[in-house]
Protein backbone atom coordinates (compact mmCIF):
# COMPACT_ATOMS: atom_id res chain seq x y z
CA UNK A 1 -3.43 3.40 2.26
CA UNK A 2 -5.18 5.48 4.80
CA UNK A 3 -5.05 4.50 8.41
CA UNK A 4 -2.45 4.41 11.11
CA UNK A 5 -2.58 0.60 11.11
CA UNK A 6 -0.58 0.51 7.89
CA UNK A 7 3.18 0.96 7.82
CA UNK A 8 6.20 0.14 5.70
CA UNK A 9 8.73 -2.61 6.44
CA UNK A 10 11.87 -1.25 4.78
CA UNK A 11 13.90 -4.40 5.43
CA UNK A 12 11.42 -6.74 3.70
CA UNK A 13 10.02 -4.09 1.28
CA UNK A 14 6.39 -4.87 2.14
CA UNK A 15 3.41 -3.00 3.56
CA UNK A 16 3.25 -3.84 7.25
CA UNK A 17 -0.27 -4.49 8.52
CA UNK A 18 -2.11 -7.21 10.40
CA UNK A 19 -3.95 -9.65 8.14
CA UNK A 20 -7.39 -8.90 9.62
CA UNK A 21 -6.96 -5.14 9.14
CA UNK A 22 -5.81 -5.67 5.56
CA UNK A 23 -8.81 -7.91 4.82
CA UNK A 24 -11.21 -5.29 6.20
CA UNK A 25 -9.55 -2.59 4.07
CA UNK A 26 -9.51 -4.88 1.03
CA UNK A 27 -13.27 -5.37 1.19
CA UNK A 28 -13.67 -1.80 -0.11
CA UNK A 29 -10.60 -2.05 -2.41
CA UNK A 30 -11.13 -5.27 -4.43
CA UNK A 31 -8.24 -4.51 -6.81
CA UNK A 32 -5.86 -4.80 -3.86
CA UNK A 33 -6.34 -8.56 -3.70
CA UNK A 34 -2.93 -10.22 -3.61
CA UNK A 35 -1.03 -7.29 -2.09
CA UNK A 36 -0.82 -8.69 1.44
CA UNK A 37 2.87 -9.52 2.09
CA UNK A 38 3.60 -8.63 -1.55
CA UNK A 39 7.26 -7.77 -2.09
CA UNK A 40 7.83 -4.33 -3.63
CA UNK A 41 11.45 -4.90 -4.64
CA UNK A 42 11.57 -1.77 -6.83
CA UNK A 43 10.04 0.54 -4.23
CA UNK A 44 13.14 2.75 -4.03
CA UNK A 45 13.15 3.28 -7.80
CA UNK A 46 9.45 4.20 -7.68
CA UNK A 47 10.16 6.76 -4.96
CA UNK A 48 12.83 8.33 -7.17
CA UNK A 49 10.42 8.37 -10.12
CA UNK A 50 7.29 9.57 -8.36
CA UNK A 51 8.69 11.24 -5.25
CA UNK A 52 5.96 12.30 -2.90
CA UNK A 53 3.29 12.48 -5.60
CA UNK A 54 0.24 10.61 -4.39
CA UNK A 55 -3.34 10.43 -5.54
CA UNK A 56 -5.73 12.58 -3.60
CA UNK A 57 -8.74 10.75 -2.19
CA UNK A 58 -11.09 12.21 -4.80
CA UNK A 59 -8.84 10.87 -7.58
CA UNK A 60 -8.21 7.43 -6.07
CA UNK A 61 -11.65 6.18 -7.10
CA UNK A 62 -11.25 7.09 -10.77
């Protein structure tokens, strides 16, 4: 998620962002509906599996 407004809450395992900012971002990412305050309980396991591999912007839209 691009933007300095987004962060990670390690204690609660959720993306930390104000609701209004998330809603603005979500308007161009309709598949992200339902992710606001969504618990990512297996985040640590995903980090082990995927490491720092992330989609590049050109590939994110595929």
